[in-house]
Amino acid sequence: MVTNRRPTAPLRAIGLHQAFGIMKILLGFGLGVLAVAALVFGYFLTGMAPVAAGAAPMPFERYLAGKALHVAIARGAPQDVPIQPTEDSLRAGADTYRQECAVCHGLPGQPKSNIAAGEFPAPPQLWQGKGVTDDPPGETFWKVQNGIRLTGMPGFGKTLSTTQMWQVSLLLANGNNLPDTVKALLSRPYSIDGPK
């Protein structure tokens, strides 16, 4: 015979004791999360976070920023290139690159500019080594259009036309197969007054 008997007082006490223990654990966890958040907030508010260009990076800064960037590019970079890398489009891309990008990202055979030498993180010198020739043009287009937060890389989506951004992206994607006229344009020295 089964009866619905109420638990005796000692059993009810054990249930309340366990519930109280769980509540203490949850309260401790919540207070721990708040303490960590307060420490991180204080780290930034007190000026302890490295903000100078010459300062060492924060813990996990490169890793976290890099992961976020790769996910954003994978999600948002266009797959279809609307223009072809003709000599004219590459030459137009070289003109725009010299005007807007060369001061930070360099020119073939030219030394790094003082501006590029003072940036943190250091901007990649796109004409040394493989540059970004192994990146799909859509990835470079995304970077040119949107910029990259906390790197000094501005977004040109509001200042350059879509065609200009694609021309620069194709120039860089084809950097190791450029026509001689484009190579000649890129090899002209850069001066403090801008490209000559």
Protein backbone atom coordinates (compact mmCIF):
# COMPACT_ATOMS: atom_id res chain seq x y z
CA MET A 1 0.00 0.00 0.00
CA VAL A 2 1.41 3.36 -1.07
CA THR A 3 0.64 6.43 0.90
CA ASN A 4 1.47 10.04 0.31
CA ARG A 5 3.19 10.82 3.52
CA ARG A 6 4.84 14.12 4.15
CA PRO A 7 8.60 13.89 4.71
CA THR A 8 9.64 13.93 8.28
CA ALA A 9 11.30 17.03 9.69
CA PRO A 10 14.90 15.72 9.31
CA LEU A 11 14.33 15.03 5.59
CA ARG A 12 12.87 18.51 5.05
CA ALA A 13 15.87 19.99 6.82
CA ILE A 14 18.27 18.17 4.47
CA GLY A 15 16.40 19.56 1.44
CA LEU A 16 16.58 23.08 2.76
CA HIS A 17 20.24 22.61 3.61
CA GLN A 18 21.02 21.49 0.04
CA ALA A 19 19.04 24.36 -1.43
CA PHE A 20 20.88 26.80 0.82
CA GLY A 21 24.21 25.29 -0.30
CA ILE A 22 23.31 25.69 -3.96
CA MET A 23 22.26 29.28 -3.34
CA LYS A 24 25.62 29.97 -1.66
CA ILE A 25 27.48 28.51 -4.64
CA LEU A 26 25.46 30.60 -7.11
CA LEU A 27 25.93 33.72 -5.01
CA GLY A 28 29.67 33.08 -4.83
CA PHE A 29 29.86 32.55 -8.58
CA GLY A 30 27.91 35.75 -9.27
CA LEU A 31 30.10 37.75 -6.91
CA GLY A 32 33.20 36.29 -8.57
CA VAL A 33 32.01 37.35 -12.02
CA LEU A 34 31.24 40.84 -10.72
CA ALA A 35 34.69 41.06 -9.10
CA VAL A 36 36.45 40.09 -12.33
CA ALA A 37 34.35 42.60 -14.29
CA ALA A 38 35.19 45.31 -11.74
CA LEU A 39 38.91 44.51 -11.99
CA VAL A 40 38.85 44.67 -15.80
CA PHE A 41 36.85 47.89 -15.71
CA GLY A 42 39.28 49.36 -13.16
CA TYR A 43 42.24 48.26 -15.29
CA PHE A 44 40.98 50.46 -18.11
CA LEU A 45 39.67 53.36 -16.03
CA THR A 46 42.90 53.79 -14.08
CA GLY A 47 44.98 54.08 -17.25
CA MET A 48 46.84 50.82 -16.65
CA ALA A 49 45.81 49.39 -20.03
CA PRO A 50 48.50 49.97 -22.67
CA VAL A 51 47.17 52.58 -25.08
CA ALA A 52 50.40 54.09 -26.44
CA ALA A 53 51.48 52.88 -29.88
CA GLY A 54 54.84 51.77 -28.49
CA ALA A 55 53.40 49.84 -25.54
CA ALA A 56 53.30 46.06 -25.38
CA PRO A 57 49.93 44.52 -26.30
CA MET A 58 47.42 43.59 -23.63
CA PRO A 59 47.11 39.94 -22.64
CA PHE A 60 45.30 38.01 -25.39
CA GLU A 61 44.84 41.22 -27.44
CA ARG A 62 46.31 39.84 -30.66
CA TYR A 63 44.60 36.48 -30.30
CA LEU A 64 41.12 37.85 -29.57
CA ALA A 65 41.30 40.64 -32.15
CA GLY A 66 42.61 38.22 -34.78
CA LYS A 67 39.87 35.68 -34.14
CA ALA A 68 37.15 38.35 -34.28
CA LEU A 69 38.60 39.77 -37.52
CA HIS A 70 38.74 36.38 -39.25
CA VAL A 71 35.16 35.56 -38.33
CA ALA A 72 33.91 38.98 -39.48
CA ILE A 73 35.75 38.68 -42.80
CA ALA A 74 34.53 35.12 -43.39
CA ARG A 75 30.97 36.28 -42.78
CA GLY A 76 31.10 39.60 -44.68
CA ALA A 77 33.69 39.47 -47.46
CA PRO A 78 32.16 39.47 -50.95
CA GLN A 79 32.83 36.36 -53.02
CA ASP A 80 32.18 37.78 -56.49
CA VAL A 81 34.56 40.34 -57.98
CA PRO A 82 32.62 42.79 -60.17
CA ILE A 83 35.58 44.02 -62.26
CA GLN A 84 38.45 42.31 -64.07
CA PRO A 85 42.15 42.90 -63.37
CA THR A 86 42.86 44.63 -66.67
CA GLU A 87 45.89 46.86 -67.16
CA ASP A 88 43.65 49.94 -66.89
CA SER A 89 41.98 48.80 -63.67
CA LEU A 90 45.33 47.82 -62.15
CA ARG A 91 46.82 51.18 -63.10
CA ALA A 92 43.84 52.97 -61.54
CA GLY A 93 44.28 50.79 -58.45
CA ALA A 94 47.96 51.76 -58.31
CA ASP A 95 47.05 55.46 -58.46
CA THR A 96 44.58 55.08 -55.58
CA TYR A 97 47.01 52.89 -53.62
CA ARG A 98 49.81 55.47 -53.93
CA GLN A 99 47.46 58.24 -52.81
CA GLU A 100 45.68 56.47 -49.94
CA CYS A 101 47.65 53.41 -48.83
CA ALA A 102 51.37 53.74 -49.58
CA VAL A 103 52.20 55.94 -46.58
CA CYS A 104 51.38 53.02 -44.26
CA HIS A 105 51.74 49.93 -46.45
CA GLY A 106 54.75 50.96 -48.53
CA LEU A 107 55.80 50.75 -52.14
CA PRO A 108 57.99 48.16 -53.92
CA GLY A 109 61.67 48.70 -53.14
CA GLN A 110 61.00 51.72 -50.92
CA PRO A 111 61.85 52.01 -47.22
CA LYS A 112 59.08 52.05 -44.62
CA SER A 113 57.71 55.56 -44.00
CA ASN A 114 58.12 57.26 -40.62
CA ILE A 115 54.36 57.03 -40.17
CA ALA A 116 54.39 53.26 -40.70
CA ALA A 117 57.39 52.88 -38.37
CA GLY A 118 55.48 54.61 -35.56
CA GLU A 119 52.22 52.64 -35.79
CA PHE A 120 51.11 49.84 -33.48
CA PRO A 121 50.46 47.29 -34.52
CA ALA A 122 52.87 47.79 -37.40
CA PRO A 123 51.00 47.91 -40.72
CA PRO A 124 52.02 45.10 -43.07
CA GLN A 125 54.36 46.21 -45.83
CA LEU A 126 52.36 44.83 -48.73
CA TRP A 127 55.17 44.79 -51.30
CA GLN A 128 57.62 42.80 -49.18
CA GLY A 129 57.36 39.03 -49.22
CA LYS A 130 54.05 37.66 -50.44
CA GLY A 131 52.04 40.68 -49.27
CA VAL A 132 48.37 39.80 -49.63
CA THR A 133 48.66 38.11 -53.03
CA ASP A 134 47.42 34.89 -51.44
CA ASP A 135 44.29 36.57 -50.03
CA PRO A 136 41.09 36.46 -52.08
CA PRO A 137 40.27 39.92 -53.48
CA GLY A 138 37.00 39.93 -51.49
CA GLU A 139 38.92 39.68 -48.22
CA THR A 140 41.14 42.63 -49.12
CA PHE A 141 38.07 44.56 -50.31
CA TRP A 142 36.41 43.99 -46.91
CA LYS A 143 39.49 45.34 -45.12
CA VAL A 144 39.70 48.38 -47.41
CA GLN A 145 35.99 49.13 -47.11
CA ASN A 146 35.58 48.58 -43.37
CA GLY A 147 39.01 49.15 -41.88
CA ILE A 148 40.26 47.22 -38.87
CA ARG A 149 39.52 48.58 -35.42
CA LEU A 150 42.46 49.13 -33.04
CA THR A 151 45.06 48.85 -35.83
CA GLY A 152 45.16 52.27 -37.47
CA MET A 153 43.66 50.81 -40.66
CA PRO A 154 40.87 53.19 -41.66
CA GLY A 155 37.77 52.15 -43.51
CA PHE A 156 37.50 53.77 -46.94
CA GLY A 157 33.85 52.85 -47.53
CA LYS A 158 32.76 56.48 -47.19
CA THR A 159 35.66 58.12 -49.04
CA LEU A 160 36.45 55.85 -52.00
CA SER A 161 34.07 54.50 -54.59
CA THR A 162 33.30 50.80 -54.72
CA THR A 163 35.20 50.64 -58.02
CA GLN A 164 38.30 52.25 -56.48
CA MET A 165 38.25 49.80 -53.57
CA TRP A 166 37.98 46.85 -55.97
CA GLN A 167 40.80 48.26 -58.11
CA VAL A 168 43.11 48.46 -55.07
CA SER A 169 42.05 44.96 -53.97
CA LEU A 170 42.80 43.52 -57.41
CA LEU A 171 46.12 45.38 -57.56
CA LEU A 172 47.20 43.74 -54.31
CA ALA A 173 45.84 40.30 -55.23
CA ASN A 174 47.83 40.43 -58.48
CA GLY A 175 50.91 42.07 -56.96
CA ASN A 176 53.29 39.43 -58.30
CA ASN A 177 51.85 39.53 -61.88
CA LEU A 178 51.58 43.24 -62.65
CA PRO A 179 52.09 44.78 -66.10
CA ASP A 180 55.29 46.82 -66.51
CA THR A 181 53.34 50.10 -66.69
CA VAL A 182 51.82 49.43 -63.27
CA LYS A 183 55.17 48.35 -61.81
CA ALA A 184 56.71 51.58 -63.09
CA LEU A 185 53.95 53.63 -61.46
CA LEU A 186 54.43 51.86 -58.14
CA SER A 187 58.21 52.14 -58.22
CA ARG A 188 58.21 55.95 -58.26
CA PRO A 189 59.44 57.29 -54.90
CA TYR A 190 57.04 58.43 -52.24
CA SER A 191 57.69 61.74 -50.55
CA ILE A 192 56.39 63.52 -47.47
CA ASP A 193 54.18 65.59 -49.77
CA GLY A 194 52.55 62.44 -51.09
CA PRO A 195 53.15 60.25 -54.13
CA LYS A 196 54.97 61.91 -57.02
